[in-house]
């Protein structure tokens, strides 16, 4: 049900918006970002605890900076 209600209309709108973008590079990067966001959303729906821990670990990696 999630697929039919959320994913299909968003991808249809994304494909239409890709036709009006400045370059194919921007359009492909936009579509790649949409694919990644969909995969992350799918992971959060099916595996919420593991996904939350993974996001916290990635945020921690960006928060700490090594001093030379």
N, C-alpha and C. Protein backbone atom coordinates (compact mmCIF):
# COMPACT_ATOMS: atom_id res chain seq x y z
N UNK A 1 0.83 -1.20 0.00
CA UNK A 1 0.00 0.00 0.00
C UNK A 1 0.87 1.26 0.00
N UNK A 2 1.97 1.19 0.76
CA UNK A 2 2.89 2.33 0.79
C UNK A 2 3.42 2.64 -0.60
N UNK A 3 3.69 1.61 -1.35
CA UNK A 3 4.22 1.80 -2.71
C UNK A 3 3.23 2.56 -3.58
N UNK A 4 1.98 2.15 -3.57
CA UNK A 4 0.99 2.76 -4.46
C UNK A 4 0.63 4.17 -4.05
N UNK A 5 0.59 4.44 -2.75
CA UNK A 5 0.10 5.73 -2.28
C UNK A 5 1.20 6.79 -2.29
N UNK A 6 2.42 6.44 -1.93
CA UNK A 6 3.47 7.43 -1.75
C UNK A 6 4.47 7.43 -2.90
N UNK A 7 5.01 6.29 -3.21
CA UNK A 7 6.14 6.22 -4.12
C UNK A 7 5.76 6.55 -5.56
N UNK A 8 4.69 5.98 -6.07
CA UNK A 8 4.34 6.17 -7.47
C UNK A 8 4.04 7.63 -7.81
N UNK A 9 3.21 8.36 -7.06
CA UNK A 9 3.00 9.78 -7.41
C UNK A 9 4.26 10.63 -7.29
N UNK A 10 5.11 10.35 -6.30
CA UNK A 10 6.34 11.12 -6.15
C UNK A 10 7.28 10.87 -7.33
N UNK A 11 7.40 9.63 -7.77
CA UNK A 11 8.28 9.33 -8.90
C UNK A 11 7.72 9.90 -10.21
N UNK A 12 6.41 9.90 -10.37
CA UNK A 12 5.83 10.50 -11.58
C UNK A 12 6.11 12.00 -11.61
N UNK A 13 5.91 12.67 -10.48
CA UNK A 13 6.23 14.10 -10.42
C UNK A 13 7.72 14.36 -10.62
N UNK A 14 8.56 13.48 -10.11
CA UNK A 14 10.00 13.65 -10.28
C UNK A 14 10.41 13.50 -11.74
N UNK A 15 9.83 12.55 -12.44
CA UNK A 15 10.17 12.36 -13.85
C UNK A 15 9.70 13.56 -14.67
N UNK A 16 8.52 14.08 -14.35
CA UNK A 16 8.04 15.28 -15.04
C UNK A 16 8.95 16.46 -14.75
N UNK A 17 9.35 16.64 -13.49
CA UNK A 17 10.22 17.77 -13.16
C UNK A 17 11.61 17.62 -13.77
N UNK A 18 12.07 16.39 -13.98
CA UNK A 18 13.37 16.18 -14.62
C UNK A 18 13.39 16.71 -16.05
N UNK A 19 12.24 16.69 -16.70
CA UNK A 19 12.17 17.18 -18.08
C UNK A 19 12.36 18.69 -18.16
N UNK A 20 12.11 19.40 -17.07
CA UNK A 20 12.21 20.86 -17.07
C UNK A 20 13.49 21.38 -16.41
N UNK A 21 14.42 20.50 -16.08
CA UNK A 21 15.65 20.94 -15.44
C UNK A 21 16.66 21.44 -16.48
N UNK A 22 17.66 22.18 -16.00
CA UNK A 22 18.63 22.81 -16.88
C UNK A 22 19.50 21.82 -17.65
N UNK A 23 19.95 20.78 -16.95
CA UNK A 23 20.85 19.84 -17.60
C UNK A 23 20.50 18.41 -17.18
N UNK A 24 21.01 17.47 -17.95
CA UNK A 24 20.78 16.06 -17.62
C UNK A 24 21.52 15.66 -16.35
N UNK A 25 22.64 16.32 -16.12
CA UNK A 25 23.40 16.02 -14.91
C UNK A 25 22.58 16.35 -13.66
N UNK A 26 21.95 17.52 -13.64
CA UNK A 26 21.10 17.87 -12.51
C UNK A 26 19.93 16.90 -12.37
N UNK A 27 19.36 16.53 -13.50
CA UNK A 27 18.21 15.62 -13.47
C UNK A 27 18.61 14.25 -12.93
N UNK A 28 19.76 13.75 -13.35
CA UNK A 28 20.20 12.44 -12.86
C UNK A 28 20.57 12.49 -11.38
N UNK A 29 21.20 13.56 -10.95
CA UNK A 29 21.53 13.70 -9.53
C UNK A 29 20.27 13.81 -8.68
N UNK A 30 19.27 14.51 -9.20
CA UNK A 30 17.99 14.62 -8.50
C UNK A 30 17.34 13.25 -8.38
N UNK A 31 17.35 12.47 -9.47
CA UNK A 31 16.74 11.14 -9.43
C UNK A 31 17.51 10.21 -8.51
N UNK A 32 18.82 10.32 -8.49
CA UNK A 32 19.63 9.51 -7.59
C UNK A 32 19.33 9.87 -6.14
N UNK A 33 19.18 11.16 -5.84
CA UNK A 33 18.82 11.58 -4.49
C UNK A 33 17.45 11.03 -4.10
N UNK A 34 16.52 11.02 -5.04
CA UNK A 34 15.19 10.49 -4.76
C UNK A 34 15.24 8.99 -4.49
N UNK A 35 16.05 8.25 -5.24
CA UNK A 35 16.20 6.82 -4.99
C UNK A 35 16.79 6.55 -3.61
N UNK A 36 17.81 7.32 -3.23
CA UNK A 36 18.42 7.14 -1.91
C UNK A 36 17.43 7.48 -0.81
N UNK A 37 16.67 8.57 -0.97
CA UNK A 37 15.69 8.95 0.04
C UNK A 37 14.60 7.89 0.17
N UNK A 38 14.19 7.31 -0.93
CA UNK A 38 13.18 6.24 -0.88
C UNK A 38 13.72 5.02 -0.16
N UNK A 39 14.97 4.66 -0.43
CA UNK A 39 15.57 3.51 0.24
C UNK A 39 15.70 3.74 1.73
N UNK A 40 16.12 4.94 2.13
CA UNK A 40 16.24 5.25 3.56
C UNK A 40 14.87 5.23 4.22
N UNK A 41 13.85 5.77 3.55
CA UNK A 41 12.50 5.73 4.10
C UNK A 41 12.01 4.30 4.25
N UNK A 42 12.29 3.46 3.27
CA UNK A 42 11.93 2.05 3.35
C UNK A 42 12.62 1.37 4.53
N UNK A 43 13.90 1.69 4.74
CA UNK A 43 14.61 1.10 5.87
C UNK A 43 14.03 1.56 7.20
N UNK A 44 13.67 2.85 7.30
CA UNK A 44 13.11 3.34 8.55
C UNK A 44 11.75 2.72 8.84
N UNK A 45 10.99 2.40 7.81
CA UNK A 45 9.69 1.78 8.05
C UNK A 45 9.86 0.33 8.50
N UNK A 46 10.77 -0.40 7.86
CA UNK A 46 10.92 -1.83 8.16
C UNK A 46 11.85 -2.12 9.34
N UNK A 47 12.89 -1.30 9.51
CA UNK A 47 13.86 -1.54 10.58
C UNK A 47 14.12 -0.22 11.33
N UNK A 48 13.18 0.22 12.17
CA UNK A 48 13.34 1.56 12.77
C UNK A 48 14.50 1.68 13.74
N UNK A 49 14.72 0.69 14.60
CA UNK A 49 15.79 0.81 15.60
C UNK A 49 17.17 0.79 14.95
N UNK A 50 17.40 -0.16 14.05
CA UNK A 50 18.69 -0.24 13.40
C UNK A 50 18.96 0.99 12.54
N UNK A 51 17.93 1.53 11.90
CA UNK A 51 18.10 2.71 11.06
C UNK A 51 18.42 3.93 11.92
N UNK A 52 17.75 4.05 13.05
CA UNK A 52 18.02 5.19 13.93
C UNK A 52 19.44 5.13 14.48
N UNK A 53 19.88 3.95 14.86
CA UNK A 53 21.24 3.80 15.37
C UNK A 53 22.25 4.11 14.26
N UNK A 54 21.97 3.66 13.04
CA UNK A 54 22.85 3.95 11.91
C UNK A 54 22.96 5.43 11.62
N UNK A 55 21.84 6.14 11.66
CA UNK A 55 21.85 7.58 11.41
C UNK A 55 22.60 8.31 12.51
N UNK A 56 22.42 7.90 13.75
CA UNK A 56 23.15 8.52 14.87
C UNK A 56 24.65 8.30 14.71
N UNK A 57 25.06 7.13 14.28
CA UNK A 57 26.49 6.86 14.07
C UNK A 57 27.05 7.72 12.93
N UNK A 58 26.30 7.86 11.86
CA UNK A 58 26.77 8.71 10.75
C UNK A 58 26.86 10.17 11.18
N UNK A 59 25.87 10.64 11.96
CA UNK A 59 25.91 12.00 12.47
C UNK A 59 27.11 12.20 13.38
N UNK A 60 27.43 11.19 14.19
CA UNK A 60 28.59 11.29 15.08
C UNK A 60 29.89 11.35 14.29
N UNK A 61 29.96 10.63 13.17
CA UNK A 61 31.17 10.70 12.34
C UNK A 61 31.40 12.09 11.80
N UNK A 62 30.33 12.79 11.43
CA UNK A 62 30.47 14.15 10.92
C UNK A 62 30.68 15.17 12.04
N UNK A 63 30.31 14.83 13.27
CA UNK A 63 30.43 15.78 14.37
C UNK A 63 31.86 15.89 14.89
N UNK A 64 32.59 14.78 14.87
CA UNK A 64 33.94 14.79 15.40
C UNK A 64 34.95 15.09 14.31
N UNK A 65 35.90 15.97 14.61
CA UNK A 65 36.95 16.29 13.67
C UNK A 65 38.30 15.94 14.30
N UNK A 66 39.11 15.28 13.52
CA UNK A 66 40.44 14.94 14.01
C UNK A 66 41.36 16.14 13.89
N UNK A 67 42.16 16.36 14.93
CA UNK A 67 43.11 17.46 14.89
C UNK A 67 44.47 16.92 14.49
N UNK A 68 45.10 17.60 13.56
CA UNK A 68 46.43 17.16 13.10
C UNK A 68 47.53 17.73 13.96
